[in-house]
Amino acid sequence: MPVKTKIDPEEKAKFVEKYLAGAISQHEISRITGIAISSIQKWICKYKAEGSTAFLPTSKHRKYSPGLKAKVVKEYLSGNGSLLRSIFNENNS
């Protein structure tokens, strides 16, 4: 059974920042950390949506606006979207 690798939140942020700056590829991050590329892509989306604090632990449940919830449901039902994509688009508009 594979061993789950734990990466420090600050280290995740540093890897994503290096990736966004063009200094490292997703494949290089995967090779260095032993983390699947799909997980690294989730890190990138989360970082783009939430910024440098994206990986810090939270002690409470996240709260989403009713508008965002409705948008996510509509996109999901139409087959066009995901929660991460909707959050990213909301934060960058």
PDB file of N, CA and C in Angstrom:
ATOM      1  N   MET A   1       0.847  -1.171   0.000  1.00  0.00           N
ATOM      2  CA  MET A   1       0.000   0.000   0.000  1.00  0.00           C
ATOM      3  C   MET A   1       0.894   1.236   0.000  1.00  0.00           C
ATOM      4  N   PRO A   2       0.571   2.247  -0.853  1.00  0.00           N
ATOM      5  CA  PRO A   2       1.409   3.445  -0.922  1.00  0.00           C
ATOM      6  C   PRO A   2       1.358   4.250   0.366  1.00  0.00           C
ATOM      7  N   VAL A   3       2.475   4.897   0.660  1.00  0.00           N
ATOM      8  CA  VAL A   3       2.570   5.746   1.842  1.00  0.00           C
ATOM      9  C   VAL A   3       2.167   7.165   1.445  1.00  0.00           C
ATOM     10  N   LYS A   4       1.302   7.781   2.233  1.00  0.00           N
ATOM     11  CA  LYS A   4       0.866   9.140   1.951  1.00  0.00           C
ATOM     12  C   LYS A   4       1.943  10.114   2.426  1.00  0.00           C
ATOM     13  N   THR A   5       2.415  10.949   1.511  1.00  0.00           N
ATOM     14  CA  THR A   5       3.460  11.914   1.804  1.00  0.00           C
ATOM     15  C   THR A   5       2.835  13.211   2.313  1.00  0.00           C
ATOM     16  N   LYS A   6       3.359  13.716   3.418  1.00  0.00           N
ATOM     17  CA  LYS A   6       2.892  14.988   3.972  1.00  0.00           C
ATOM     18  C   LYS A   6       3.867  16.079   3.555  1.00  0.00           C
ATOM     19  N   ILE A   7       3.320  17.145   3.005  1.00  0.00           N
ATOM     20  CA  ILE A   7       4.127  18.297   2.610  1.00  0.00           C
ATOM     21  C   ILE A   7       3.701  19.473   3.473  1.00  0.00           C
ATOM     22  N   ASP A   8       4.650  20.159   4.044  1.00  0.00           N
ATOM     23  CA  ASP A   8       4.409  21.325   4.881  1.00  0.00           C
ATOM     24  C   ASP A   8       3.659  22.401   4.079  1.00  0.00           C
ATOM     25  N   PRO A   9       2.662  23.077   4.686  1.00  0.00           N
ATOM     26  CA  PRO A   9       1.903  24.104   3.956  1.00  0.00           C
ATOM     27  C   PRO A   9       2.780  25.191   3.329  1.00  0.00           C
ATOM     28  N   GLU A  10       3.803  25.638   4.038  1.00  0.00           N
ATOM     29  CA  GLU A  10       4.692  26.663   3.495  1.00  0.00           C
ATOM     30  C   GLU A  10       5.472  26.129   2.292  1.00  0.00           C
ATOM     31  N   GLU A  11       5.842  24.852   2.354  1.00  0.00           N
ATOM     32  CA  GLU A  11       6.581  24.246   1.251  1.00  0.00           C
ATOM     33  C   GLU A  11       5.689  24.127   0.016  1.00  0.00           C
ATOM     34  N   LYS A  12       4.411  23.778   0.226  1.00  0.00           N
ATOM     35  CA  LYS A  12       3.464  23.717  -0.893  1.00  0.00           C
ATOM     36  C   LYS A  12       3.386  25.086  -1.568  1.00  0.00           C
ATOM     37  N   ALA A  13       3.229  26.131  -0.761  1.00  0.00           N
ATOM     38  CA  ALA A  13       3.124  27.487  -1.302  1.00  0.00           C
ATOM     39  C   ALA A  13       4.380  27.857  -2.083  1.00  0.00           C
ATOM     40  N   LYS A  14       5.553  27.500  -1.573  1.00  0.00           N
ATOM     41  CA  LYS A  14       6.804  27.819  -2.265  1.00  0.00           C
ATOM     42  C   LYS A  14       6.889  27.110  -3.612  1.00  0.00           C
ATOM     43  N   PHE A  15       6.489  25.822  -3.643  1.00  0.00           N
ATOM     44  CA  PHE A  15       6.508  25.083  -4.906  1.00  0.00           C
ATOM     45  C   PHE A  15       5.555  25.727  -5.915  1.00  0.00           C
ATOM     46  N   VAL A  16       4.359  26.090  -5.479  1.00  0.00           N
ATOM     47  CA  VAL A  16       3.382  26.701  -6.383  1.00  0.00           C
ATOM     48  C   VAL A  16       3.888  28.053  -6.872  1.00  0.00           C
ATOM     49  N   GLU A  17       4.467  28.847  -5.987  1.00  0.00           N
ATOM     50  CA  GLU A  17       5.010  30.145  -6.387  1.00  0.00           C
ATOM     51  C   GLU A  17       6.120  29.976  -7.425  1.00  0.00           C
ATOM     52  N   LYS A  18       6.993  28.985  -7.223  1.00  0.00           N
ATOM     53  CA  LYS A  18       8.058  28.719  -8.198  1.00  0.00           C
ATOM     54  C   LYS A  18       7.451  28.284  -9.534  1.00  0.00           C
ATOM     55  N   TYR A  19       6.407  27.453  -9.474  1.00  0.00           N
ATOM     56  CA  TYR A  19       5.748  27.012 -10.702  1.00  0.00           C
ATOM     57  C   TYR A  19       5.144  28.208 -11.437  1.00  0.00           C
ATOM     58  N   LEU A  20       4.425  29.065 -10.719  1.00  0.00           N
ATOM     59  CA  LEU A  20       3.775  30.218 -11.342  1.00  0.00           C
ATOM     60  C   LEU A  20       4.790  31.209 -11.902  1.00  0.00           C
ATOM     61  N   ALA A  21       5.985  31.239 -11.322  1.00  0.00           N
ATOM     62  CA  ALA A  21       7.048  32.118 -11.816  1.00  0.00           C
ATOM     63  C   ALA A  21       7.800  31.501 -12.994  1.00  0.00           C
ATOM     64  N   GLY A  22       7.474  30.248 -13.315  1.00  0.00           N
ATOM     65  CA  GLY A  22       8.122  29.571 -14.435  1.00  0.00           C
ATOM     66  C   GLY A  22       9.464  28.959 -14.090  1.00  0.00           C
ATOM     67  N   ALA A  23       9.777  28.859 -12.798  1.00  0.00           N
ATOM     68  CA  ALA A  23      11.080  28.343 -12.377  1.00  0.00           C
ATOM     69  C   ALA A  23      11.113  26.821 -12.244  1.00  0.00           C
ATOM     70  N   ILE A  24       9.932  26.186 -12.229  1.00  0.00           N
ATOM     71  CA  ILE A  24       9.864  24.739 -12.042  1.00  0.00           C
ATOM     72  C   ILE A  24       8.588  24.231 -12.713  1.00  0.00           C
ATOM     73  N   SER A  25       8.630  22.995 -13.177  1.00  0.00           N
ATOM     74  CA  SER A  25       7.441  22.426 -13.822  1.00  0.00           C
ATOM     75  C   SER A  25       6.664  21.554 -12.832  1.00  0.00           C
ATOM     76  N   GLN A  26       5.442  21.230 -13.197  1.00  0.00           N
ATOM     77  CA  GLN A  26       4.639  20.335 -12.364  1.00  0.00           C
ATOM     78  C   GLN A  26       5.314  18.971 -12.241  1.00  0.00           C
ATOM     79  N   HIS A  27       5.917  18.515 -13.329  1.00  0.00           N
ATOM     80  CA  HIS A  27       6.612  17.222 -13.307  1.00  0.00           C
ATOM     81  C   HIS A  27       7.802  17.238 -12.344  1.00  0.00           C
ATOM     82  N   GLU A  28       8.519  18.354 -12.309  1.00  0.00           N
ATOM     83  CA  GLU A  28       9.654  18.460 -11.389  1.00  0.00           C
ATOM     84  C   GLU A  28       9.170  18.447  -9.938  1.00  0.00           C
ATOM     85  N   ILE A  29       8.083  19.166  -9.661  1.00  0.00           N
ATOM     86  CA  ILE A  29       7.528  19.171  -8.302  1.00  0.00           C
ATOM     87  C   ILE A  29       7.122  17.757  -7.918  1.00  0.00           C
ATOM     88  N   SER A  30       6.482  17.056  -8.838  1.00  0.00           N
ATOM     89  CA  SER A  30       6.049  15.685  -8.584  1.00  0.00           C
ATOM     90  C   SER A  30       7.247  14.775  -8.285  1.00  0.00           C
ATOM     91  N   ARG A  31       8.294  14.926  -9.076  1.00  0.00           N
ATOM     92  CA  ARG A  31       9.482  14.092  -8.878  1.00  0.00           C
ATOM     93  C   ARG A  31      10.142  14.374  -7.528  1.00  0.00           C
ATOM     94  N   ILE A  32      10.238  15.649  -7.159  1.00  0.00           N
ATOM     95  CA  ILE A  32      10.893  16.036  -5.906  1.00  0.00           C
ATOM     96  C   ILE A  32      10.087  15.592  -4.683  1.00  0.00           C
ATOM     97  N   THR A  33       8.771  15.780  -4.757  1.00  0.00           N
ATOM     98  CA  THR A  33       7.922  15.530  -3.585  1.00  0.00           C
ATOM     99  C   THR A  33       7.323  14.137  -3.519  1.00  0.00           C
ATOM    100  N   GLY A  34       7.243  13.465  -4.671  1.00  0.00           N
ATOM    101  CA  GLY A  34       6.576  12.169  -4.710  1.00  0.00           C
ATOM    102  C   GLY A  34       5.053  12.308  -4.732  1.00  0.00           C
ATOM    103  N   ILE A  35       4.564  13.504  -5.035  1.00  0.00           N
ATOM    104  CA  ILE A  35       3.133  13.789  -5.070  1.00  0.00           C
ATOM    105  C   ILE A  35       2.647  13.683  -6.520  1.00  0.00           C
ATOM    106  N   ALA A  36       1.455  13.134  -6.706  1.00  0.00           N
ATOM    107  CA  ALA A  36       0.878  12.999  -8.040  1.00  0.00           C
ATOM    108  C   ALA A  36       0.637  14.376  -8.668  1.00  0.00           C
ATOM    109  N   ILE A  37       0.789  14.443  -9.979  1.00  0.00           N
ATOM    110  CA  ILE A  37       0.591  15.697 -10.691  1.00  0.00           C
ATOM    111  C   ILE A  37      -0.829  16.210 -10.489  1.00  0.00           C
ATOM    112  N   SER A  38      -1.806  15.331 -10.421  1.00  0.00           N
ATOM    113  CA  SER A  38      -3.193  15.778 -10.209  1.00  0.00           C
ATOM    114  C   SER A  38      -3.325  16.520  -8.882  1.00  0.00           C
ATOM    115  N   SER A  39      -2.609  16.091  -7.873  1.00  0.00           N
ATOM    116  CA  SER A  39      -2.636  16.790  -6.575  1.00  0.00           C
ATOM    117  C   SER A  39      -1.943  18.140  -6.681  1.00  0.00           C
ATOM    118  N   ILE A  40      -0.862  18.190  -7.417  1.00  0.00           N
ATOM    119  CA  ILE A  40      -0.141  19.450  -7.604  1.00  0.00           C
ATOM    120  C   ILE A  40      -1.021  20.442  -8.354  1.00  0.00           C
ATOM    121  N   GLN A  41      -1.773  19.964  -9.324  1.00  0.00           N
ATOM    122  CA  GLN A  41      -2.696  20.843 -10.055  1.00  0.00           C
ATOM    123  C   GLN A  41      -3.769  21.386  -9.116  1.00  0.00           C
ATOM    124  N   LYS A  42      -4.219  20.585  -8.163  1.00  0.00           N
ATOM    125  CA  LYS A  42      -5.181  21.059  -7.162  1.00  0.00           C
ATOM    126  C   LYS A  42      -4.545  22.117  -6.278  1.00  0.00           C
ATOM    127  N   TRP A  43      -3.267  21.940  -5.916  1.00  0.00           N
ATOM    128  CA  TRP A  43      -2.554  22.947  -5.129  1.00  0.00           C
ATOM    129  C   TRP A  43      -2.565  24.280  -5.875  1.00  0.00           C
ATOM    130  N   ILE A  44      -2.265  24.220  -7.178  1.00  0.00           N
ATOM    131  CA  ILE A  44      -2.167  25.437  -7.988  1.00  0.00           C
ATOM    132  C   ILE A  44      -3.514  26.150  -8.035  1.00  0.00           C
ATOM    133  N   CYS A  45      -4.590  25.400  -8.275  1.00  0.00           N
ATOM    134  CA  CYS A  45      -5.935  26.002  -8.311  1.00  0.00           C
ATOM    135  C   CYS A  45      -6.285  26.620  -6.968  1.00  0.00           C
ATOM    136  N   LYS A  46      -5.984  25.903  -5.910  1.00  0.00           N
ATOM    137  CA  LYS A  46      -6.300  26.401  -4.575  1.00  0.00           C
ATOM    138  C   LYS A  46      -5.499  27.662  -4.268  1.00  0.00           C
ATOM    139  N   TYR A  47      -4.234  27.674  -4.645  1.00  0.00           N
ATOM    140  CA  TYR A  47      -3.388  28.835  -4.410  1.00  0.00           C
ATOM    141  C   TYR A  47      -3.899  30.037  -5.200  1.00  0.00           C
ATOM    142  N   LYS A  48      -4.272  29.811  -6.457  1.00  0.00           N
ATOM    143  CA  LYS A  48      -4.795  30.904  -7.282  1.00  0.00           C
ATOM    144  C   LYS A  48      -6.095  31.450  -6.704  1.00  0.00           C
ATOM    145  N   ALA A  49      -6.899  30.578  -6.123  1.00  0.00           N
ATOM    146  CA  ALA A  49      -8.189  30.996  -5.570  1.00  0.00           C
ATOM    147  C   ALA A  49      -8.055  31.685  -4.219  1.00  0.00           C
ATOM    148  N   GLU A  50      -7.123  31.207  -3.377  1.00  0.00           N
ATOM    149  CA  GLU A  50      -7.071  31.667  -1.992  1.00  0.00           C
ATOM    150  C   GLU A  50      -5.802  32.409  -1.609  1.00  0.00           C
ATOM    151  N   GLY A  51      -4.805  32.392  -2.475  1.00  0.00           N
ATOM    152  CA  GLY A  51      -3.570  33.087  -2.163  1.00  0.00           C
ATOM    153  C   GLY A  51      -2.620  32.275  -1.298  1.00  0.00           C
ATOM    154  N   SER A  52      -1.652  32.943  -0.710  1.00  0.00           N
ATOM    155  CA  SER A  52      -0.569  32.271   0.013  1.00  0.00           C
ATOM    156  C   SER A  52      -1.019  31.562   1.288  1.00  0.00           C
ATOM    157  N   THR A  53      -2.213  31.858   1.775  1.00  0.00           N
ATOM    158  CA  THR A  53      -2.712  31.187   2.978  1.00  0.00           C
ATOM    159  C   THR A  53      -3.558  29.955   2.649  1.00  0.00           C
ATOM    160  N   ALA A  54      -3.611  29.573   1.402  1.00  0.00           N
ATOM    161  CA  ALA A  54      -4.475  28.477   0.953  1.00  0.00           C
ATOM    162  C   ALA A  54      -4.219  27.159   1.672  1.00  0.00           C
ATOM    163  N   PHE A  55      -2.981  26.913   2.072  1.00  0.00           N
ATOM    164  CA  PHE A  55      -2.638  25.608   2.634  1.00  0.00           C
ATOM    165  C   PHE A  55      -2.574  25.587   4.155  1.00  0.00           C
ATOM    166  N   LEU A  56      -2.825  26.727   4.768  1.00  0.00           N
ATOM    167  CA  LEU A  56      -2.804  26.776   6.227  1.00  0.00           C
ATOM    168  C   LEU A  56      -4.039  26.062   6.778  1.00  0.00           C
ATOM    169  N   PRO A  57      -3.881  25.335   7.861  1.00  0.00           N
ATOM    170  CA  PRO A  57      -5.032  24.619   8.421  1.00  0.00           C
ATOM    171  C   PRO A  57      -6.079  25.598   8.943  1.00  0.00           C
ATOM    172  N   THR A  58      -7.325  25.222   8.784  1.00  0.00           N
ATOM    173  CA  THR A  58      -8.416  26.047   9.303  1.00  0.00           C
ATOM    174  C   THR A  58      -9.147  25.246  10.372  1.00  0.00           C
ATOM    175  N   SER A  59      -9.633  25.932  11.382  1.00  0.00           N
ATOM    176  CA  SER A  59     -10.313  25.254  12.477  1.00  0.00           C
ATOM    177  C   SER A  59     -11.825  25.281  12.313  1.00  0.00           C
ATOM    178  N   LYS A  60     -12.298  25.913  11.246  1.00  0.00           N
ATOM    179  CA  LYS A  60     -13.736  25.980  11.041  1.00  0.00           C
ATOM    180  C   LYS A  60     -14.056  25.639   9.591  1.00  0.00           C
ATOM    181  N   HIS A  61     -15.311  25.382   9.344  1.00  0.00           N
ATOM    182  CA  HIS A  61     -15.742  25.067   7.987  1.00  0.00           C
ATOM    183  C   HIS A  61     -15.702  26.324   7.130  1.00  0.00           C
ATOM    184  N   ARG A  62     -15.388  26.144   5.879  1.00  0.00           N
ATOM    185  CA  ARG A  62     -15.377  27.274   4.956  1.00  0.00           C
ATOM    186  C   ARG A  62     -16.812  27.694   4.678  1.00  0.00           C
ATOM    187  N   LYS A  63     -16.988  28.987   4.455  1.00  0.00           N
ATOM    188  CA  LYS A  63     -18.308  29.515   4.142  1.00  0.00           C
ATOM    189  C   LYS A  63     -18.284  30.072   2.727  1.00  0.00           C
ATOM    190  N   TYR A  64     -19.269  29.681   1.947  1.00  0.00           N
ATOM    191  CA  TYR A  64     -19.391  30.149   0.579  1.00  0.00           C
ATOM    192  C   TYR A  64     -20.683  30.944   0.441  1.00  0.00           C
ATOM    193  N   SER A  65     -20.652  31.970  -0.373  1.00  0.00           N
ATOM    194  CA  SER A  65     -21.826  32.817  -0.565  1.00  0.00           C
ATOM    195  C   SER A  65     -22.927  32.028  -1.265  1.00  0.00           C
ATOM    196  N   PRO A  66     -24.193  32.397  -1.008  1.00  0.00           N
ATOM    197  CA  PRO A  66     -25.302  31.730  -1.694  1.00  0.00           C
ATOM    198  C   PRO A  66     -25.175  31.840  -3.222  1.00  0.00           C
ATOM    199  N   GLY A  67     -24.681  32.976  -3.697  1.00  0.00           N
ATOM    200  CA  GLY A  67     -24.498  33.150  -5.137  1.00  0.00           C
ATOM    201  C   GLY A  67     -23.500  32.161  -5.712  1.00  0.00           C
ATOM    202  N   LEU A  68     -22.384  31.961  -5.019  1.00  0.00           N
ATOM    203  CA  LEU A  68     -21.378  31.009  -5.474  1.00  0.00           C
ATOM    204  C   LEU A  68     -21.939  29.594  -5.451  1.00  0.00           C
ATOM    205  N   LYS A  69     -22.661  29.254  -4.396  1.00  0.00           N
ATOM    206  CA  LYS A  69     -23.265  27.918  -4.307  1.00  0.00           C
ATOM    207  C   LYS A  69     -24.208  27.660  -5.477  1.00  0.00           C
ATOM    208  N   ALA A  70     -25.063  28.638  -5.783  1.00  0.00           N
ATOM    209  CA  ALA A  70     -26.008  28.485  -6.889  1.00  0.00           C
ATOM    210  C   ALA A  70     -25.261  28.335  -8.218  1.00  0.00           C
ATOM    211  N   LYS A  71     -24.213  29.135  -8.395  1.00  0.00           N
ATOM    212  CA  LYS A  71     -23.424  29.072  -9.622  1.00  0.00           C
ATOM    213  C   LYS A  71     -22.771  27.701  -9.789  1.00  0.00           C
ATOM    214  N   VAL A  72     -22.225  27.170  -8.711  1.00  0.00           N
ATOM    215  CA  VAL A  72     -21.563  25.867  -8.757  1.00  0.00           C
ATOM    216  C   VAL A  72     -22.565  24.772  -9.117  1.00  0.00           C
ATOM    217  N   VAL A  73     -23.742  24.815  -8.508  1.00  0.00           N
ATOM    218  CA  VAL A  73     -24.761  23.808  -8.797  1.00  0.00           C
ATOM    219  C   VAL A  73     -25.174  23.878 -10.264  1.00  0.00           C
ATOM    220  N   LYS A  74     -25.406  25.078 -10.774  1.00  0.00           N
ATOM    221  CA  LYS A  74     -25.802  25.238 -12.181  1.00  0.00           C
ATOM    222  C   LYS A  74     -24.711  24.715 -13.118  1.00  0.00           C
ATOM    223  N   GLU A  75     -23.456  25.054 -12.835  1.00  0.00           N
ATOM    224  CA  GLU A  75     -22.357  24.593 -13.681  1.00  0.00           C
ATOM    225  C   GLU A  75     -22.201  23.081 -13.601  1.00  0.00           C
ATOM    226  N   TYR A  76     -22.351  22.527 -12.418  1.00  0.00           N
ATOM    227  CA  TYR A  76     -22.237  21.078 -12.259  1.00  0.00           C
ATOM    228  C   TYR A  76     -23.338  20.367 -13.036  1.00  0.00           C
ATOM    229  N   LEU A  77     -24.567  20.840 -12.900  1.00  0.00           N
ATOM    230  CA  LEU A  77     -25.696  20.215 -13.581  1.00  0.00           C
ATOM    231  C   LEU A  77     -25.587  20.329 -15.096  1.00  0.00           C
ATOM    232  N   SER A  78     -24.948  21.386 -15.564  1.00  0.00           N
ATOM    233  CA  SER A  78     -24.771  21.547 -17.007  1.00  0.00           C
ATOM    234  C   SER A  78     -23.547  20.780 -17.512  1.00  0.00           C
ATOM    235  N   GLY A  79     -22.748  20.235 -16.578  1.00  0.00           N
ATOM    236  CA  GLY A  79     -21.554  19.476 -16.953  1.00  0.00           C
ATOM    237  C   GLY A  79     -20.355  20.339 -17.278  1.00  0.00           C
ATOM    238  N   ASN A  80     -20.412  21.618 -16.936  1.00  0.00           N
ATOM    239  CA  ASN A  80     -19.338  22.543 -17.326  1.00  0.00           C
ATOM    240  C   ASN A  80     -18.393  22.958 -16.219  1.00  0.00           C
ATOM    241  N   GLY A  81     -18.663  22.649 -14.976  1.00  0.00           N
ATOM    242  CA  GLY A  81     -17.828  23.264 -13.959  1.00  0.00           C
ATOM    243  C   GLY A  81     -17.497  22.400 -12.774  1.00  0.00           C
ATOM    244  N   SER A  82     -16.718  23.015 -11.896  1.00  0.00           N
ATOM    245  CA  SER A  82     -16.322  22.400 -10.637  1.00  0.00           C
ATOM    246  C   SER A  82     -16.236  23.492  -9.585  1.00  0.00           C
ATOM    247  N   LEU A  83     -16.210  23.109  -8.334  1.00  0.00           N
ATOM    248  CA  LEU A  83     -16.118  24.074  -7.249  1.00  0.00           C
ATOM    249  C   LEU A  83     -14.828  24.885  -7.346  1.00  0.00           C
ATOM    250  N   LEU A  84     -13.698  24.222  -7.574  1.00  0.00           N
ATOM    251  CA  LEU A  84     -12.420  24.943  -7.652  1.00  0.00           C
ATOM    252  C   LEU A  84     -12.424  25.961  -8.781  1.00  0.00           C
ATOM    253  N   ARG A  85     -12.945  25.577  -9.942  1.00  0.00           N
ATOM    254  CA  ARG A  85     -12.988  26.495 -11.075  1.00  0.00           C
ATOM    255  C   ARG A  85     -13.865  27.699 -10.741  1.00  0.00           C
ATOM    256  N   SER A  86     -15.009  27.466 -10.103  1.00  0.00           N
ATOM    257  CA  SER A  86     -15.923  28.564  -9.764  1.00  0.00           C
ATOM    258  C   SER A  86     -15.298  29.518  -8.765  1.00  0.00           C
ATOM    259  N   ILE A  87     -14.616  28.980  -7.746  1.00  0.00           N
ATOM    260  CA  ILE A  87     -13.958  29.829  -6.755  1.00  0.00           C
ATOM    261  C   ILE A  87     -12.868  30.655  -7.426  1.00  0.00           C
ATOM    262  N   PHE A  88     -12.078  30.009  -8.280  1.00  0.00           N
ATOM    263  CA  PHE A  88     -11.001  30.710  -8.985  1.00  0.00           C
ATOM    264  C   PHE A  88     -11.569  31.846  -9.820  1.00  0.00           C
ATOM    265  N   ASN A  89     -12.635  31.559 -10.579  1.00  0.00           N
ATOM    266  CA  ASN A  89     -13.232  32.573 -11.447  1.00  0.00           C
ATOM    267  C   ASN A  89     -13.824  33.715 -10.641  1.00  0.00           C
ATOM    268  N   GLU A  90     -14.450  33.419  -9.489  1.00  0.00           N
ATOM    269  CA  GLU A  90     -15.048  34.461  -8.651  1.00  0.00           C
ATOM    270  C   GLU A  90     -13.974  35.379  -8.082  1.00  0.00           C
ATOM    271  N   ASN A  91     -12.852  34.795  -7.650  1.00  0.00           N
ATOM    272  CA  ASN A  91     -11.785  35.591  -7.041  1.00  0.00           C
ATOM    273  C   ASN A  91     -10.990  36.398  -8.053  1.00  0.00           C
ATOM    274  N   ASN A  92     -11.048  36.010  -9.327  1.00  0.00           N
ATOM    275  CA  ASN A  92     -10.264  36.712 -10.350  1.00  0.00           C
ATOM    276  C   ASN A  92     -11.115  37.599 -11.238  1.00  0.00           C
ATOM    277  N   SER A  93     -12.371  37.832 -10.870  1.00  0.00           N
ATOM    278  CA  SER A  93     -13.203  38.710 -11.694  1.00  0.00           C
ATOM    279  C   SER A  93     -13.392  40.063 -11.058  1.00  0.00           C
TER     280      SER A  93
END
